Amino acid sequence: MYSIEFTLLFFGVPLFLFFEGNFIHPSSVLLPILIALILYFRKQKEFKSRELIKLGISKNMWLKQLLAMLLIRVFLLIYVLIFEPQNLFNLPKANPAIWIIMLFFYPIFSAYGQEVVYRKFLFIRYQKFFQKKWLLIFASSITFSFVHIVYFSILSLVLTFFAGIYLAYI
């Protein structure tokens, strides 16, 4: 039962979005899924709603994450400057309104939603299916990477796989 559910949720839905790219934008699916998962979590006896806000991350870990994000941003900036200088700041230049909207909504709806789906939900729901922690981490990172097929970028798949390992580990 778990294997069918897992496969449909984490591989079937992304494949549907990949092949039906004109049907619906991938990010518009995340909010209804997030709402359904919040309802799912509320039914779990051992789950406390505040876990959806804190996500079990200490203040010390938040500081480490901010430092890691700063270093990654510097690395990506250097990468773009060297290999794709024509794409540097292309979104704010081409469409500043979309860029500003993304600055506010992406962290709340997309990044947070992905954290809940690919870490919190996956770890709680499938811990009996993937009985070892490293299997849960691998399942989280591979499914997190796989959902990014909707962006048609191998680099996106590779980077999100390693980001998924890191995020699931912490």
N, C-alpha and C. Protein backbone atom coordinates (compact mmCIF):
# COMPACT_ATOMS: atom_id res chain seq x y z
N MET A 1 0.82 -1.20 0.00
CA MET A 1 0.00 0.00 0.00
C MET A 1 0.87 1.26 0.00
N TYR A 2 1.85 1.30 0.91
CA TYR A 2 2.73 2.47 0.98
C TYR A 2 3.48 2.69 -0.32
N SER A 3 3.92 1.61 -0.94
CA SER A 3 4.72 1.76 -2.15
C SER A 3 3.90 2.35 -3.30
N ILE A 4 2.65 1.95 -3.43
CA ILE A 4 1.79 2.49 -4.48
C ILE A 4 1.50 3.97 -4.22
N GLU A 5 1.13 4.27 -2.98
CA GLU A 5 0.85 5.66 -2.61
C GLU A 5 2.08 6.54 -2.83
N PHE A 6 3.22 6.07 -2.36
CA PHE A 6 4.48 6.81 -2.50
C PHE A 6 4.79 7.06 -3.98
N THR A 7 4.68 6.04 -4.79
CA THR A 7 5.00 6.15 -6.22
C THR A 7 4.05 7.13 -6.91
N LEU A 8 2.77 7.04 -6.63
CA LEU A 8 1.80 7.93 -7.25
C LEU A 8 2.02 9.39 -6.84
N LEU A 9 2.22 9.61 -5.54
CA LEU A 9 2.40 10.98 -5.04
C LEU A 9 3.69 11.62 -5.52
N PHE A 10 4.78 10.88 -5.40
CA PHE A 10 6.09 11.50 -5.60
C PHE A 10 6.69 11.29 -6.99
N PHE A 11 6.10 10.40 -7.77
CA PHE A 11 6.57 10.22 -9.15
C PHE A 11 5.43 10.43 -10.15
N GLY A 12 4.23 9.97 -9.81
CA GLY A 12 3.09 10.12 -10.72
C GLY A 12 2.68 11.56 -10.92
N VAL A 13 2.54 12.31 -9.83
CA VAL A 13 2.14 13.72 -9.93
C VAL A 13 3.18 14.53 -10.71
N PRO A 14 4.48 14.43 -10.38
CA PRO A 14 5.46 15.18 -11.20
C PRO A 14 5.46 14.77 -12.67
N LEU A 15 5.29 13.49 -12.96
CA LEU A 15 5.24 13.06 -14.36
C LEU A 15 4.01 13.63 -15.06
N PHE A 16 2.89 13.66 -14.38
CA PHE A 16 1.69 14.27 -14.95
C PHE A 16 1.95 15.74 -15.27
N LEU A 17 2.53 16.46 -14.32
CA LEU A 17 2.83 17.88 -14.54
C LEU A 17 3.84 18.08 -15.67
N PHE A 18 4.79 17.16 -15.76
CA PHE A 18 5.81 17.24 -16.80
C PHE A 18 5.19 17.09 -18.19
N PHE A 19 4.33 16.09 -18.35
CA PHE A 19 3.74 15.82 -19.66
C PHE A 19 2.55 16.72 -19.98
N GLU A 20 1.95 17.30 -18.98
CA GLU A 20 0.82 18.20 -19.18
C GLU A 20 1.22 19.62 -18.79
N GLY A 21 2.39 20.04 -19.22
CA GLY A 21 2.94 21.34 -18.85
C GLY A 21 2.05 22.52 -19.17
N ASN A 22 1.25 22.42 -20.21
CA ASN A 22 0.36 23.51 -20.57
C ASN A 22 -0.94 23.49 -19.77
N PHE A 23 -1.20 22.39 -19.11
CA PHE A 23 -2.44 22.22 -18.37
C PHE A 23 -2.47 23.06 -17.10
N ILE A 24 -1.41 22.99 -16.34
CA ILE A 24 -1.38 23.66 -15.04
C ILE A 24 0.07 23.96 -14.66
N HIS A 25 0.29 25.10 -14.04
CA HIS A 25 1.64 25.42 -13.59
C HIS A 25 1.96 24.60 -12.35
N PRO A 26 3.16 24.02 -12.28
CA PRO A 26 3.51 23.14 -11.16
C PRO A 26 3.35 23.77 -9.78
N SER A 27 3.67 25.03 -9.64
CA SER A 27 3.59 25.64 -8.31
C SER A 27 2.15 25.80 -7.84
N SER A 28 1.18 25.82 -8.76
CA SER A 28 -0.22 25.96 -8.34
C SER A 28 -0.76 24.70 -7.69
N VAL A 29 -0.07 23.59 -7.84
CA VAL A 29 -0.48 22.33 -7.22
C VAL A 29 -0.02 22.28 -5.76
N LEU A 30 1.02 23.01 -5.44
CA LEU A 30 1.63 22.91 -4.11
C LEU A 30 0.71 23.40 -2.99
N LEU A 31 0.00 24.49 -3.19
CA LEU A 31 -0.85 25.03 -2.12
C LEU A 31 -1.98 24.07 -1.74
N PRO A 32 -2.73 23.50 -2.69
CA PRO A 32 -3.75 22.52 -2.29
C PRO A 32 -3.15 21.29 -1.59
N ILE A 33 -1.99 20.85 -2.05
CA ILE A 33 -1.32 19.72 -1.40
C ILE A 33 -0.92 20.10 0.02
N LEU A 34 -0.40 21.31 0.19
CA LEU A 34 -0.01 21.77 1.52
C LEU A 34 -1.21 21.82 2.46
N ILE A 35 -2.33 22.31 1.99
CA ILE A 35 -3.54 22.36 2.81
C ILE A 35 -3.99 20.94 3.19
N ALA A 36 -3.96 20.02 2.23
CA ALA A 36 -4.34 18.63 2.51
C ALA A 36 -3.39 18.02 3.54
N LEU A 37 -2.11 18.32 3.45
CA LEU A 37 -1.15 17.77 4.41
C LEU A 37 -1.33 18.35 5.80
N ILE A 38 -1.66 19.61 5.88
CA ILE A 38 -1.94 20.20 7.20
C ILE A 38 -3.13 19.50 7.84
N LEU A 39 -4.16 19.22 7.05
CA LEU A 39 -5.30 18.47 7.57
C LEU A 39 -4.89 17.05 7.97
N TYR A 40 -4.02 16.44 7.18
CA TYR A 40 -3.50 15.11 7.50
C TYR A 40 -2.74 15.15 8.84
N PHE A 41 -1.88 16.13 9.00
CA PHE A 41 -1.09 16.24 10.23
C PHE A 41 -1.98 16.46 11.45
N ARG A 42 -3.04 17.23 11.30
CA ARG A 42 -3.93 17.51 12.43
C ARG A 42 -4.61 16.24 12.94
N LYS A 43 -4.76 15.25 12.06
CA LYS A 43 -5.40 13.98 12.47
C LYS A 43 -4.42 13.05 13.17
N GLN A 44 -3.13 13.32 13.07
CA GLN A 44 -2.13 12.48 13.71
C GLN A 44 -2.07 12.82 15.20
N LYS A 45 -2.29 11.83 16.04
CA LYS A 45 -2.37 12.06 17.49
C LYS A 45 -1.07 12.60 18.08
N GLU A 46 0.06 12.07 17.62
CA GLU A 46 1.34 12.46 18.19
C GLU A 46 1.90 13.75 17.59
N PHE A 47 1.21 14.31 16.61
CA PHE A 47 1.72 15.51 15.92
C PHE A 47 1.17 16.77 16.57
N LYS A 48 2.05 17.75 16.75
CA LYS A 48 1.65 19.04 17.29
C LYS A 48 1.76 20.09 16.19
N SER A 49 0.74 20.91 16.04
CA SER A 49 0.68 21.88 14.94
C SER A 49 1.88 22.82 14.91
N ARG A 50 2.43 23.13 16.08
CA ARG A 50 3.58 24.06 16.09
C ARG A 50 4.80 23.47 15.37
N GLU A 51 4.79 22.15 15.16
CA GLU A 51 5.88 21.53 14.40
C GLU A 51 5.90 22.00 12.95
N LEU A 52 4.76 22.47 12.45
CA LEU A 52 4.72 22.99 11.08
C LEU A 52 5.33 24.39 10.99
N ILE A 53 5.48 25.04 12.11
CA ILE A 53 6.10 26.37 12.12
C ILE A 53 7.59 26.25 12.41
N LYS A 54 7.94 25.50 13.44
CA LYS A 54 9.35 25.37 13.82
C LYS A 54 10.10 24.37 12.94
N LEU A 55 9.43 23.36 12.48
CA LEU A 55 10.01 22.29 11.66
C LEU A 55 11.19 21.61 12.35
N GLY A 56 11.26 21.74 13.67
CA GLY A 56 12.30 21.05 14.43
C GLY A 56 13.71 21.58 14.21
N ILE A 57 13.82 22.85 13.83
CA ILE A 57 15.14 23.42 13.55
C ILE A 57 15.51 24.40 14.66
N SER A 58 16.68 24.21 15.25
CA SER A 58 17.13 25.07 16.35
C SER A 58 17.61 26.42 15.81
N LYS A 59 17.76 27.39 16.72
CA LYS A 59 18.26 28.71 16.32
C LYS A 59 19.68 28.61 15.76
N ASN A 60 20.47 27.76 16.37
CA ASN A 60 21.84 27.55 15.88
C ASN A 60 21.84 27.02 14.45
N MET A 61 20.93 26.10 14.16
CA MET A 61 20.83 25.55 12.82
C MET A 61 20.34 26.61 11.83
N TRP A 62 19.40 27.46 12.25
CA TRP A 62 18.94 28.55 11.38
C TRP A 62 20.12 29.44 10.98
N LEU A 63 20.98 29.76 11.95
CA LEU A 63 22.15 30.59 11.64
C LEU A 63 23.09 29.90 10.67
N LYS A 64 23.30 28.61 10.86
CA LYS A 64 24.14 27.85 9.93
C LYS A 64 23.53 27.85 8.53
N GLN A 65 22.20 27.73 8.47
CA GLN A 65 21.53 27.73 7.17
C GLN A 65 21.66 29.07 6.46
N LEU A 66 21.55 30.14 7.23
CA LEU A 66 21.71 31.47 6.63
C LEU A 66 23.11 31.64 6.06
N LEU A 67 24.11 31.16 6.79
CA LEU A 67 25.48 31.22 6.29
C LEU A 67 25.65 30.36 5.04
N ALA A 68 25.09 29.16 5.07
CA ALA A 68 25.17 28.27 3.90
C ALA A 68 24.48 28.90 2.69
N MET A 69 23.33 29.51 2.90
CA MET A 69 22.61 30.16 1.80
C MET A 69 23.41 31.33 1.24
N LEU A 70 24.05 32.08 2.10
CA LEU A 70 24.89 33.19 1.64
C LEU A 70 26.03 32.68 0.77
N LEU A 71 26.69 31.62 1.21
CA LEU A 71 27.79 31.04 0.44
C LEU A 71 27.31 30.49 -0.91
N ILE A 72 26.15 29.84 -0.90
CA ILE A 72 25.58 29.31 -2.15
C ILE A 72 25.24 30.45 -3.11
N ARG A 73 24.70 31.52 -2.58
CA ARG A 73 24.37 32.67 -3.43
C ARG A 73 25.61 33.27 -4.06
N VAL A 74 26.67 33.38 -3.28
CA VAL A 74 27.93 33.90 -3.82
C VAL A 74 28.45 32.96 -4.91
N PHE A 75 28.42 31.65 -4.66
CA PHE A 75 28.85 30.67 -5.66
C PHE A 75 28.03 30.78 -6.94
N LEU A 76 26.70 30.86 -6.81
CA LEU A 76 25.84 30.95 -7.98
C LEU A 76 26.06 32.26 -8.75
N LEU A 77 26.29 33.34 -8.02
CA LEU A 77 26.58 34.62 -8.67
C LEU A 77 27.86 34.52 -9.49
N ILE A 78 28.88 33.93 -8.92
CA ILE A 78 30.15 33.75 -9.64
C ILE A 78 29.95 32.84 -10.85
N TYR A 79 29.20 31.76 -10.66
CA TYR A 79 28.92 30.84 -11.77
C TYR A 79 28.26 31.57 -12.94
N VAL A 80 27.21 32.34 -12.62
CA VAL A 80 26.49 33.05 -13.68
C VAL A 80 27.39 34.09 -14.33
N LEU A 81 28.16 34.80 -13.54
CA LEU A 81 29.07 35.81 -14.10
C LEU A 81 30.06 35.19 -15.08
N ILE A 82 30.52 33.98 -14.78
CA ILE A 82 31.52 33.34 -15.63
C ILE A 82 30.90 32.64 -16.83
N PHE A 83 29.84 31.84 -16.59
CA PHE A 83 29.32 30.97 -17.64
C PHE A 83 28.07 31.50 -18.36
N GLU A 84 27.29 32.35 -17.71
CA GLU A 84 26.06 32.84 -18.33
C GLU A 84 25.83 34.32 -18.00
N PRO A 85 26.78 35.17 -18.29
CA PRO A 85 26.64 36.58 -17.89
C PRO A 85 25.39 37.25 -18.49
N GLN A 86 24.92 36.78 -19.63
CA GLN A 86 23.73 37.36 -20.25
C GLN A 86 22.48 37.10 -19.42
N ASN A 87 22.53 36.11 -18.53
CA ASN A 87 21.36 35.79 -17.69
C ASN A 87 21.39 36.43 -16.31
N LEU A 88 22.43 37.17 -16.02
CA LEU A 88 22.54 37.81 -14.71
C LEU A 88 21.41 38.83 -14.54
N PHE A 89 20.61 38.63 -13.53
CA PHE A 89 19.48 39.51 -13.20
C PHE A 89 18.48 39.63 -14.34
N ASN A 90 18.34 38.57 -15.15
CA ASN A 90 17.43 38.67 -16.29
C ASN A 90 15.96 38.78 -15.86
N LEU A 91 15.55 38.14 -14.79
CA LEU A 91 14.15 38.25 -14.36
C LEU A 91 13.82 39.66 -13.85
N PRO A 92 14.61 40.24 -12.94
CA PRO A 92 14.25 41.60 -12.50
C PRO A 92 14.31 42.63 -13.64
N LYS A 93 15.20 42.41 -14.60
CA LYS A 93 15.28 43.34 -15.74
C LYS A 93 14.09 43.17 -16.67
N ALA A 94 13.75 41.93 -16.97
CA ALA A 94 12.69 41.65 -17.94
C ALA A 94 11.29 41.84 -17.36
N ASN A 95 11.10 41.45 -16.09
CA ASN A 95 9.78 41.51 -15.51
C ASN A 95 9.87 41.80 -14.01
N PRO A 96 10.10 43.05 -13.65
CA PRO A 96 10.29 43.39 -12.24
C PRO A 96 9.08 43.07 -11.35
N ALA A 97 7.88 43.17 -11.89
CA ALA A 97 6.68 42.89 -11.08
C ALA A 97 6.65 41.42 -10.67
N ILE A 98 6.91 40.53 -11.61
CA ILE A 98 6.95 39.09 -11.29
C ILE A 98 8.06 38.81 -10.29
N TRP A 99 9.20 39.44 -10.47
CA TRP A 99 10.34 39.25 -9.56
C TRP A 99 9.97 39.65 -8.13
N ILE A 100 9.31 40.78 -7.96
CA ILE A 100 8.92 41.26 -6.63
C ILE A 100 7.89 40.31 -6.01
N ILE A 101 6.93 39.86 -6.81
CA ILE A 101 5.93 38.91 -6.32
C ILE A 101 6.62 37.63 -5.86
N MET A 102 7.58 37.15 -6.65
CA MET A 102 8.31 35.92 -6.29
C MET A 102 9.12 36.10 -5.00
N LEU A 103 9.67 37.28 -4.79
CA LEU A 103 10.44 37.54 -3.57
C LEU A 103 9.61 37.30 -2.32
N PHE A 104 8.32 37.63 -2.39
CA PHE A 104 7.46 37.49 -1.23
C PHE A 104 6.75 36.14 -1.16
N PHE A 105 6.29 35.65 -2.29
CA PHE A 105 5.48 34.44 -2.27
C PHE A 105 6.26 33.14 -2.36
N TYR A 106 7.39 33.13 -3.04
CA TYR A 106 8.15 31.89 -3.18
C TYR A 106 8.58 31.31 -1.83
N PRO A 107 9.19 32.10 -0.94
CA PRO A 107 9.60 31.50 0.35
C PRO A 107 8.43 30.96 1.16
N ILE A 108 7.30 31.64 1.11
CA ILE A 108 6.16 31.23 1.94
C ILE A 108 5.45 30.02 1.34
N PHE A 109 5.11 30.09 0.07
CA PHE A 109 4.29 29.04 -0.51
C PHE A 109 5.10 27.91 -1.13
N SER A 110 6.12 28.23 -1.87
CA SER A 110 6.85 27.17 -2.56
C SER A 110 7.91 26.53 -1.67
N ALA A 111 8.84 27.31 -1.16
CA ALA A 111 9.93 26.73 -0.36
C ALA A 111 9.39 26.06 0.91
N TYR A 112 8.51 26.75 1.62
CA TYR A 112 7.93 26.17 2.83
C TYR A 112 7.10 24.93 2.48
N GLY A 113 6.31 25.03 1.43
CA GLY A 113 5.49 23.90 1.01
C GLY A 113 6.33 22.68 0.65
N GLN A 114 7.44 22.91 -0.05
CA GLN A 114 8.33 21.81 -0.40
C GLN A 114 8.96 21.20 0.86
N GLU A 115 9.28 22.02 1.83
CA GLU A 115 9.84 21.51 3.08
C GLU A 115 8.84 20.60 3.79
N VAL A 116 7.59 21.03 3.82
CA VAL A 116 6.55 20.23 4.48
C VAL A 116 6.32 18.92 3.72
N VAL A 117 6.22 18.99 2.40
CA VAL A 117 5.92 17.80 1.60
C VAL A 117 7.09 16.83 1.58
N TYR A 118 8.27 17.33 1.23
CA TYR A 118 9.41 16.45 0.95
C TYR A 118 10.26 16.12 2.16
N ARG A 119 10.03 16.77 3.28
CA ARG A 119 10.72 16.38 4.49
C ARG A 119 9.73 15.96 5.56
N LYS A 120 8.93 16.88 6.05
CA LYS A 120 8.06 16.58 7.19
C LYS A 120 7.07 15.44 6.89
N PHE A 121 6.29 15.59 5.83
CA PHE A 121 5.30 14.56 5.49
C PHE A 121 5.97 13.25 5.13
N LEU A 122 6.94 13.29 4.25
CA LEU A 122 7.60 12.07 3.81
C LEU A 122 8.22 11.33 4.99
N PHE A 123 8.86 12.04 5.89
CA PHE A 123 9.49 11.39 7.04
C PHE A 123 8.47 10.79 7.99
N ILE A 124 7.36 11.49 8.21
CA ILE A 124 6.34 10.97 9.13
C ILE A 124 5.57 9.81 8.49
N ARG A 125 5.10 10.01 7.29
CA ARG A 125 4.24 9.02 6.64
C ARG A 125 4.97 7.74 6.25
N TYR A 126 6.23 7.86 5.82
CA TYR A 126 6.92 6.70 5.25
C TYR A 126 8.07 6.18 6.11
N GLN A 127 8.14 6.58 7.37
CA GLN A 127 9.22 6.08 8.22
C GLN A 127 9.13 4.58 8.45
N LYS A 128 7.93 4.01 8.40
CA LYS A 128 7.79 2.56 8.54
C LYS A 128 8.18 1.84 7.25
N PHE A 129 7.96 2.51 6.11
CA PHE A 129 8.30 1.93 4.82
C PHE A 129 9.81 1.97 4.58
N PHE A 130 10.42 3.12 4.87
CA PHE A 130 11.88 3.27 4.78
C PHE A 130 12.40 3.23 6.22
N GLN A 131 12.77 2.07 6.68
CA GLN A 131 13.04 1.88 8.10
C GLN A 131 14.38 2.44 8.58
N LYS A 132 15.27 2.73 7.69
CA LYS A 132 16.56 3.31 8.07
C LYS A 132 16.57 4.79 7.70
N LYS A 133 17.20 5.60 8.55
CA LYS A 133 17.20 7.04 8.32
C LYS A 133 17.83 7.40 6.97
N TRP A 134 18.90 6.73 6.59
CA TRP A 134 19.56 7.07 5.33
C TRP A 134 18.64 6.78 4.14
N LEU A 135 17.76 5.78 4.26
CA LEU A 135 16.79 5.51 3.20
C LEU A 135 15.74 6.63 3.10
N LEU A 136 15.32 7.14 4.25
CA LEU A 136 14.39 8.27 4.25
C LEU A 136 15.05 9.50 3.62
N ILE A 137 16.29 9.75 3.96
CA ILE A 137 17.02 10.89 3.40
C ILE A 137 17.15 10.73 1.89
N PHE A 138 17.51 9.53 1.44
CA PHE A 138 17.64 9.29 0.01
C PHE A 138 16.29 9.44 -0.70
N ALA A 139 15.23 8.88 -0.12
CA ALA A 139 13.89 8.98 -0.71
C ALA A 139 13.46 10.44 -0.80
N SER A 140 13.73 11.19 0.24
CA SER A 140 13.39 12.60 0.25
C SER A 140 14.15 13.36 -0.84
N SER A 141 15.45 13.10 -0.94
CA SER A 141 16.25 13.85 -1.92
C SER A 141 15.94 13.45 -3.35
N ILE A 142 15.68 12.17 -3.59
CA ILE A 142 15.40 11.73 -4.95
C ILE A 142 14.02 12.24 -5.41
N THR A 143 13.05 12.23 -4.51
CA THR A 143 11.72 12.72 -4.89
C THR A 143 11.72 14.25 -5.01
N PHE A 144 12.46 14.92 -4.14
CA PHE A 144 12.58 16.38 -4.23
C PHE A 144 13.23 16.77 -5.55
N SER A 145 14.26 16.04 -5.93
CA SER A 145 14.91 16.29 -7.20
C SER A 145 13.97 15.99 -8.36
N PHE A 146 13.28 14.87 -8.28
CA PHE A 146 12.44 14.42 -9.39
C PHE A 146 11.31 15.40 -9.70
N VAL A 147 10.75 16.03 -8.69
CA VAL A 147 9.66 16.97 -8.95
C VAL A 147 10.14 18.15 -9.80
N HIS A 148 11.43 18.40 -9.80
CA HIS A 148 11.97 19.51 -10.57
C HIS A 148 12.15 19.19 -12.06
N ILE A 149 11.69 18.02 -12.50
CA ILE A 149 11.72 17.72 -13.93
C ILE A 149 10.84 18.69 -14.72
N VAL A 150 9.89 19.31 -14.02
CA VAL A 150 8.99 20.24 -14.69
C VAL A 150 9.73 21.47 -15.24
N TYR A 151 10.97 21.67 -14.81
CA TYR A 151 11.74 22.82 -15.29
C TYR A 151 12.67 22.47 -16.45
N PHE A 152 12.65 21.23 -16.89
CA PHE A 152 13.40 20.80 -18.08
C PHE A 152 14.89 21.13 -17.99
N SER A 153 15.48 20.92 -16.82
CA SER A 153 16.88 21.28 -16.64
C SER A 153 17.60 20.18 -15.86
N ILE A 154 18.62 19.60 -16.49
CA ILE A 154 19.43 18.58 -15.81
C ILE A 154 20.14 19.20 -14.61
N LEU A 155 20.64 20.42 -14.78
CA LEU A 155 21.33 21.10 -13.68
C LEU A 155 20.39 21.25 -12.48
N SER A 156 19.15 21.58 -12.74
CA SER A 156 18.17 21.71 -11.67
C SER A 156 17.99 20.38 -10.93
N LEU A 157 17.93 19.28 -11.68
CA LEU A 157 17.78 17.96 -11.06
C LEU A 157 18.98 17.61 -10.19
N VAL A 158 20.16 17.87 -10.69
CA VAL A 158 21.38 17.55 -9.94
C VAL A 158 21.48 18.40 -8.68
N LEU A 159 21.29 19.70 -8.83
CA LEU A 159 21.41 20.60 -7.68
C LEU A 159 20.35 20.31 -6.62
N THR A 160 19.12 20.04 -7.05
CA THR A 160 18.08 19.76 -6.07
C THR A 160 18.26 18.39 -5.41
N PHE A 161 18.91 17.47 -6.09
CA PHE A 161 19.21 16.18 -5.45
C PHE A 161 20.16 16.40 -4.27
N PHE A 162 21.24 17.14 -4.50
CA PHE A 162 22.19 17.38 -3.42
C PHE A 162 21.62 18.30 -2.34
N ALA A 163 20.82 19.28 -2.77
CA ALA A 163 20.15 20.13 -1.79
C ALA A 163 19.17 19.28 -0.97
N GLY A 164 18.50 18.35 -1.62
CA GLY A 164 17.56 17.47 -0.92
C GLY A 164 18.24 16.61 0.12
N ILE A 165 19.43 16.10 -0.19
CA ILE A 165 20.18 15.31 0.80
C ILE A 165 20.50 16.20 2.00
N TYR A 166 21.00 17.37 1.73
CA TYR A 166 21.38 18.29 2.79
C TYR A 166 20.17 18.67 3.65
N LEU A 167 19.08 19.07 3.01
CA LEU A 167 17.90 19.49 3.75
C LEU A 167 17.28 18.34 4.55
N ALA A 168 17.26 17.15 3.97
CA ALA A 168 16.70 16.01 4.71
C ALA A 168 17.60 15.62 5.87
N TYR A 169 18.89 15.76 5.69
CA TYR A 169 19.83 15.41 6.75
C TYR A 169 19.67 16.31 7.96
N ILE A 170 19.50 17.62 7.71
CA ILE A 170 19.38 18.54 8.84
C ILE A 170 17.99 18.49 9.43
